[in-house]
């Protein structure tokens, strides 16, 4: 049954080759928005977020977490250099083991929830190995995670991000029932527009604030097969981009938001395992201890062009609140 579900998901994935003509037609019909000028006094809000999870997330063959403790130890220095606050989305099963560091970090930063043990909180995806957690399992894992926060003197989390950005409507309703006000699980890799929404309707208190993605698609080739890709504002993309592409990307996102009547903002994603080297991991060759400096330098570069204001996810949601 799962195989059939994954097959259906593949054929419905609009990044795949069968949708390329439709994407090209859409690009031809759509007009590129005029560059929007941001008033000098208007800041670009920036939420720097880190998913605290098993090393390599869903790609892991073993559930190790070697990168986390050193990363959390180095985080205050990075925050001081950028004069920034961060949001850490932590797996529920890791909270107790990291309680000492998290309690210190929550004085300055936001601690959110990142599922329980990196399971899927929605339907199966063709490109992911994990099976979805049942609704009953999610109904048990969410209170269990919240209890771990309470038992370890952490403030109740206000923000949630599902592992692999897979969350369905049942998950969103569960989040609202348990007092969450922010969800950052919308699948940005599908080109989700960089604007906030209320996925459960206008009367809901839950605001969806996705990881930033450029809504303008680009065409790529893999194994001589064309497909559509969207640039997601994450560490892998940052490491592969030069300064010019980075600033042009932000220009496009900010222009899109201003023309949509939304205060400009960015949500950046990284993981602890991206800040150290790994032997025999060609797919993760971009991972490096130098990524601390790269992240710092890129945002310092951006500060020369835009007035930046670093905020937590819950602060960002309050600033972007919509009717």
Foldseek 3Di string as FASTA:
>chain_A
DLVVLQVVQVVVQCQFQVNVVVLVVVVVPDDQFDQDDDPQVFFAEEEEEEEQAAQPQQVDPDRHRVLRPVLLVCVVVLCVLQVFEYEYAYALCCCLVCLVSVVVNVVRYHYAHAYHHRAAAACDHNPGDHHHDDLVRSLVRVVSSQVSCVVSVHDRHQEYEYRQLHHDPSRVVSSQVVRHQEYASHNCFSLDQQAKDDVVDDVGSHIYGYADKQSRWDWDDDPNGITITIDGQELVSLLVDDLVVLLVSLSSNCRVQVVVVFRHYHYYYYYSQQLPDDPPDVVNRNRYVCSSVSVSVSVVVVCVVGPYDHDHPVVVCVVGPDD
